[in-house]
Protein backbone atom coordinates (compact mmCIF):
# COMPACT_ATOMS: atom_id res chain seq x y z
CA MET A 1 -3.83 7.54 23.11
CA ALA A 2 -6.80 9.83 22.56
CA PRO A 3 -9.62 9.28 20.04
CA ARG A 4 -8.92 12.60 18.34
CA ALA A 5 -5.22 11.83 17.88
CA PRO A 6 -4.08 11.30 14.28
CA ILE A 7 -3.55 8.03 12.46
CA GLY A 8 -0.02 7.50 11.16
CA ILE A 9 0.37 5.96 7.73
CA PHE A 10 3.53 5.36 5.74
CA ASP A 11 4.81 4.06 2.43
CA SER A 12 8.01 4.30 0.41
CA GLY A 13 6.40 7.05 -1.69
CA ILE A 14 3.01 8.04 -3.08
CA GLY A 15 1.56 4.53 -3.30
CA GLY A 16 0.14 4.69 0.20
CA LEU A 17 -2.15 7.49 -0.95
CA THR A 18 -4.44 4.75 -2.27
CA VAL A 19 -4.80 3.48 1.29
CA ALA A 20 -5.06 7.01 2.71
CA ASN A 21 -7.97 7.74 0.37
CA ALA A 22 -9.72 4.54 1.44
CA ILE A 23 -9.32 5.57 5.08
CA VAL A 24 -10.69 9.06 4.39
CA ASN A 25 -13.69 7.52 2.63
CA ILE A 26 -14.52 5.08 5.41
CA LEU A 27 -13.38 7.18 8.40
CA PRO A 28 -13.99 10.83 7.42
CA HIS A 29 -13.60 12.07 11.01
CA GLU A 30 -10.02 10.85 11.28
CA THR A 31 -6.89 12.95 10.81
CA LEU A 32 -4.00 11.38 8.90
CA PHE A 33 -0.28 11.95 9.33
CA TYR A 34 1.31 10.44 6.22
CA PHE A 35 5.01 9.70 5.74
CA GLY A 36 6.35 9.08 2.23
CA ASP A 37 9.92 7.80 2.35
CA THR A 38 10.68 9.24 -1.06
CA ALA A 39 14.43 9.42 -0.40
CA HIS A 40 14.52 5.61 -0.40
CA VAL A 41 11.80 4.65 -2.88
CA PRO A 42 11.35 1.92 -4.04
CA TYR A 43 11.55 -0.57 -1.17
CA GLY A 44 10.96 -3.63 -3.37
CA GLY A 45 14.60 -4.32 -4.22
CA LYS A 46 16.05 -3.53 -0.79
CA SER A 47 17.04 -6.07 1.84
CA ALA A 48 14.59 -6.96 4.57
CA GLU A 49 17.00 -5.59 7.17
CA THR A 50 17.10 -2.20 5.44
CA VAL A 51 13.32 -2.01 5.11
CA ILE A 52 12.94 -2.93 8.78
CA ARG A 53 15.33 -0.14 9.78
CA TYR A 54 13.48 2.45 7.68
CA SER A 55 10.13 1.25 9.00
CA HIS A 56 11.20 1.50 12.64
CA ASP A 57 12.56 5.01 12.13
CA ILE A 58 9.33 6.17 10.47
CA VAL A 59 7.02 4.59 13.03
CA SER A 60 9.07 6.08 15.85
CA PHE A 61 8.73 9.49 14.21
CA LEU A 62 4.97 9.14 13.71
CA LEU A 63 4.44 8.04 17.30
CA ASP A 64 6.46 11.04 18.45
CA GLN A 65 3.90 13.15 16.57
CA GLY A 66 1.17 11.67 18.77
CA CYS A 67 -0.34 9.11 16.39
CA LYS A 68 -2.78 6.66 17.99
CA ALA A 69 -2.42 3.94 15.35
CA ILE A 70 -0.12 3.04 12.47
CA VAL A 71 -0.99 1.80 9.00
CA VAL A 72 1.90 0.25 7.10
CA ALA A 73 0.57 1.19 3.65
CA CYS A 74 3.29 -0.73 1.83
CA ASN A 75 3.23 -4.44 1.03
CA THR A 76 7.03 -4.71 1.04
CA ALA A 77 7.35 -3.02 4.44
CA SER A 78 4.51 -5.11 5.81
CA ALA A 79 6.15 -8.32 4.62
CA ALA A 80 9.53 -7.38 6.08
CA ALA A 81 8.77 -5.33 9.17
CA LEU A 82 5.22 -5.81 10.45
CA ALA A 83 6.06 -8.51 13.01
CA SER A 84 9.04 -6.51 14.28
CA LEU A 85 7.00 -3.32 14.56
CA ARG A 86 4.26 -5.05 16.53
CA HIS A 87 6.84 -6.62 18.82
CA THR A 88 8.49 -3.25 19.46
CA TRP A 89 5.22 -1.39 20.07
CA PRO A 90 2.78 -4.03 21.40
CA LEU A 91 0.27 -1.49 22.72
CA VAL A 92 -0.08 0.38 19.42
CA PRO A 93 -2.59 -0.87 16.84
CA ILE A 94 -0.48 -1.49 13.73
CA ILE A 95 -2.30 -2.47 10.55
CA GLY A 96 -0.40 -3.94 7.62
CA MET A 97 -0.93 -4.91 4.00
CA GLU A 98 -0.85 -8.28 2.29
CA PRO A 99 -1.44 -9.36 -1.30
CA ALA A 100 -5.09 -10.38 -1.57
CA VAL A 101 -4.47 -14.01 -2.55
CA LYS A 102 -7.40 -15.24 -0.46
CA PRO A 103 -10.13 -13.12 -2.12
CA ALA A 104 -8.52 -13.69 -5.52
CA SER A 105 -8.69 -17.46 -5.08
CA SER A 106 -12.41 -17.12 -4.33
CA ALA A 107 -13.07 -14.74 -7.22
CA THR A 108 -11.35 -16.59 -10.06
CA GLN A 109 -13.48 -18.55 -12.48
CA THR A 110 -10.61 -19.97 -14.51
CA GLY A 111 -8.48 -21.04 -11.56
CA VAL A 112 -5.66 -18.72 -12.63
CA ILE A 113 -4.77 -15.48 -10.83
CA GLY A 114 -2.07 -12.91 -11.56
CA VAL A 115 -0.26 -11.25 -8.67
CA LEU A 116 1.54 -7.96 -9.29
CA ALA A 117 3.82 -7.19 -6.36
CA THR A 118 7.50 -6.50 -5.65
CA ARG A 119 10.51 -8.74 -5.24
CA GLY A 120 10.50 -7.99 -1.52
CA THR A 121 6.92 -9.15 -1.17
CA PHE A 122 7.36 -12.28 -3.28
CA SER A 123 10.46 -13.36 -1.33
CA SER A 124 8.80 -12.91 2.08
CA GLU A 125 7.61 -15.67 4.38
CA ARG A 126 4.34 -13.76 4.79
CA TYR A 127 3.55 -14.09 1.08
CA ALA A 128 4.65 -17.73 0.95
CA ASN A 129 2.27 -18.54 3.79
CA LEU A 130 -0.60 -16.85 1.96
CA VAL A 131 -0.04 -18.89 -1.18
CA ASP A 132 0.36 -22.06 0.87
CA ARG A 133 -2.94 -21.42 2.69
CA PHE A 134 -5.10 -20.12 -0.13
CA GLY A 135 -3.40 -21.16 -3.37
CA HIS A 136 -4.41 -24.80 -3.42
CA GLY A 137 -6.17 -25.79 -6.62
CA ILE A 138 -5.34 -22.57 -8.45
CA THR A 139 -2.43 -21.36 -10.55
CA VAL A 140 -0.70 -18.26 -9.16
CA LEU A 141 1.20 -16.24 -11.76
CA GLU A 142 3.64 -13.68 -10.34
CA ASN A 143 5.43 -10.66 -11.73
CA PRO A 144 7.63 -8.30 -9.65
CA CYS A 145 6.93 -5.41 -12.05
CA ILE A 146 10.50 -4.15 -11.77
CA GLY A 147 10.52 -0.46 -12.69
CA LEU A 148 6.79 0.18 -12.35
CA VAL A 149 7.06 1.99 -9.01
CA GLU A 150 9.64 4.33 -10.50
CA LEU A 151 7.36 5.13 -13.45
CA ILE A 152 4.51 5.92 -11.06
CA GLU A 153 6.69 8.05 -8.78
CA ALA A 154 7.78 9.96 -11.89
CA GLY A 155 4.14 10.84 -12.56
CA LEU A 156 3.80 8.67 -15.66
CA VAL A 157 0.50 7.15 -14.56
CA GLU A 158 -1.29 7.86 -17.85
CA ASP A 159 1.70 7.61 -20.17
CA ALA A 160 2.07 5.26 -23.14
CA ILE A 161 5.40 4.09 -21.73
CA THR A 162 3.67 2.80 -18.61
CA GLU A 163 0.83 1.25 -20.61
CA ASN A 164 3.31 -0.63 -22.79
CA PHE A 165 5.17 -1.73 -19.66
CA LEU A 166 1.95 -3.13 -18.19
CA GLN A 167 1.03 -4.75 -21.50
CA GLN A 168 4.22 -6.82 -21.34
CA ILE A 169 3.37 -7.93 -17.81
CA LEU A 170 -0.33 -8.66 -18.24
CA THR A 171 -0.50 -10.21 -21.71
CA PRO A 172 1.43 -13.39 -20.74
CA MET A 173 -0.86 -13.78 -17.72
CA LEU A 174 -3.95 -13.38 -19.89
CA ASP A 175 -2.55 -15.89 -22.37
CA LYS A 176 -2.27 -18.41 -19.52
CA GLY A 177 -5.91 -17.88 -18.52
CA ALA A 178 -5.68 -15.37 -15.69
CA ASP A 179 -9.03 -13.72 -14.97
CA THR A 180 -8.26 -12.17 -11.57
CA PHE A 181 -5.45 -9.73 -10.83
CA VAL A 182 -4.11 -8.80 -7.41
CA LEU A 183 -2.58 -5.35 -6.98
CA GLY A 184 0.05 -6.37 -4.44
CA CYS A 185 1.74 -2.97 -4.13
CA THR A 186 -0.04 0.18 -3.01
CA HIS A 187 1.44 2.08 -5.95
CA TYR A 188 -0.30 -0.09 -8.52
CA PRO A 189 -3.90 1.12 -8.04
CA LEU A 190 -2.67 4.48 -9.35
CA VAL A 191 -2.36 2.87 -12.79
CA ARG A 192 -5.58 0.89 -12.54
CA PRO A 193 -7.13 2.76 -15.52
CA LEU A 194 -4.24 1.53 -17.69
CA ILE A 195 -4.65 -2.00 -16.42
CA GLU A 196 -8.36 -1.87 -17.22
CA ARG A 197 -7.53 -0.95 -20.82
CA ILE A 198 -5.47 -4.10 -21.21
CA ILE A 199 -7.52 -6.79 -19.46
CA PRO A 200 -11.06 -7.76 -20.53
CA PRO A 201 -14.06 -6.17 -18.77
CA SER A 202 -14.96 -9.56 -17.31
CA ALA A 203 -11.67 -9.76 -15.40
CA THR A 204 -11.47 -8.91 -11.71
CA ILE A 205 -9.01 -6.48 -10.14
CA ILE A 206 -8.49 -6.74 -6.40
CA ASP A 207 -7.20 -3.71 -4.52
CA PRO A 208 -6.76 -4.43 -0.77
CA ALA A 209 -6.90 -0.76 0.33
CA PRO A 210 -10.63 -0.72 1.30
CA ALA A 211 -10.18 -3.92 3.33
CA VAL A 212 -7.26 -2.34 5.20
CA ALA A 213 -9.37 0.74 5.97
CA ARG A 214 -12.17 -1.47 7.30
CA GLN A 215 -9.72 -3.43 9.46
CA LEU A 216 -8.42 -0.15 10.88
CA GLN A 217 -12.00 0.90 11.60
CA ARG A 218 -12.64 -2.36 13.50
CA ARG A 219 -9.46 -2.03 15.54
CA LEU A 220 -10.12 1.59 16.51
CA GLN A 221 -13.73 0.81 17.39
CA HIS A 222 -12.65 -2.11 19.55
CA LEU A 223 -10.21 0.16 21.41
CA SER A 224 -12.72 3.05 21.65
CA LEU A 225 -10.36 5.20 19.61
CA LEU A 226 -12.65 6.33 16.79
CA SER A 227 -12.68 10.10 16.46
CA ASP A 228 -16.02 11.84 16.94
CA GLN A 229 -15.05 15.17 15.39
CA ARG A 230 -14.05 15.80 11.80
CA THR A 231 -10.89 17.76 11.13
CA ASP A 232 -8.96 18.69 8.00
CA ASP A 233 -5.57 18.86 9.67
CA HIS A 234 -3.92 16.14 7.59
CA ARG A 235 -0.14 16.42 7.62
CA PHE A 236 2.22 14.84 5.12
CA PHE A 237 5.93 14.27 5.62
CA VAL A 238 8.51 13.20 3.05
CA SER A 239 12.16 12.25 3.33
CA GLY A 240 13.01 13.34 -0.22
CA ASP A 241 12.05 16.14 -2.59
CA PRO A 242 8.83 17.70 -1.24
CA HIS A 243 7.96 19.47 -4.49
CA ALA A 244 7.75 16.35 -6.64
CA PHE A 245 5.71 14.56 -3.99
CA HIS A 246 3.39 17.53 -3.52
CA THR A 247 2.51 17.58 -7.21
CA MET A 248 1.48 13.94 -7.20
CA ALA A 249 -0.22 14.04 -3.80
CA LYS A 250 -2.37 17.02 -4.80
CA ARG A 251 -3.42 15.00 -7.81
CA PHE A 252 -4.43 11.83 -5.98
CA PHE A 253 -5.27 12.63 -2.34
CA LEU A 254 -8.91 13.52 -1.78
CA ALA A 255 -8.43 16.10 0.97
CA ASP A 256 -6.26 19.13 1.75
CA PHE A 257 -3.03 18.63 3.66
CA LEU A 258 0.08 20.35 4.98
CA LEU A 259 3.38 19.05 3.59
CA GLU A 260 6.66 19.02 5.51
CA GLN A 261 10.06 17.44 5.01
CA HIS A 262 11.65 15.12 7.57
CA LEU A 263 14.85 13.21 6.87
CA ILE A 264 15.55 9.64 7.94
CA TYR A 265 18.77 7.72 7.38
């Protein structure tokens, strides 16, 4: 692995762009190779075995492209596949996501937090361990937000339909005293402006993407793999329709990129 090699990052769709942007902000010299598995989005309702298979295929592809590190920019894939990926490629730094229950438990003033994630994340042992470790003394309200990823992938990030959808999720949490909200899916920060319209200004929203970028920075620094030369050779790959993805990616990614299609099964 060479310091100027790219960083591989993947998600089921466009949600991982929130993590990609955080990496670009913190590590502007790094080149990203992003894989959006848009043919199989969303991952949240799929079995762990299926998500593991997709994740292994994507990581194998990204490593074949010469990536020096992998960021699993998907909470569902991290919950299902992170341990397996690290076991398969023990010499590759692989950074995953997790719902930010720990910082939320420290931030709440009311003792009630709302976690917005997916069914796959909520049903995982990884999430259960987080709540067991950091949820003592607080009330954790959960909602799998079924259908929200599809609305975001369809580009409805500023639409009244999506705002009404979020209203139905957030209002019951607010009524029960929630003052801190965890965005436990990388898609959800893309509708943060809508969320901010619904919750009071005093409420806290926790997006784990910057923390993931900082963890990546620490790992690369420890391994002497930080790039010392800025490039703009970001490459994006999708397994589904490249045109729909390109429209959304151009809207939300902060840098230029080359888009290609690569199928996985």
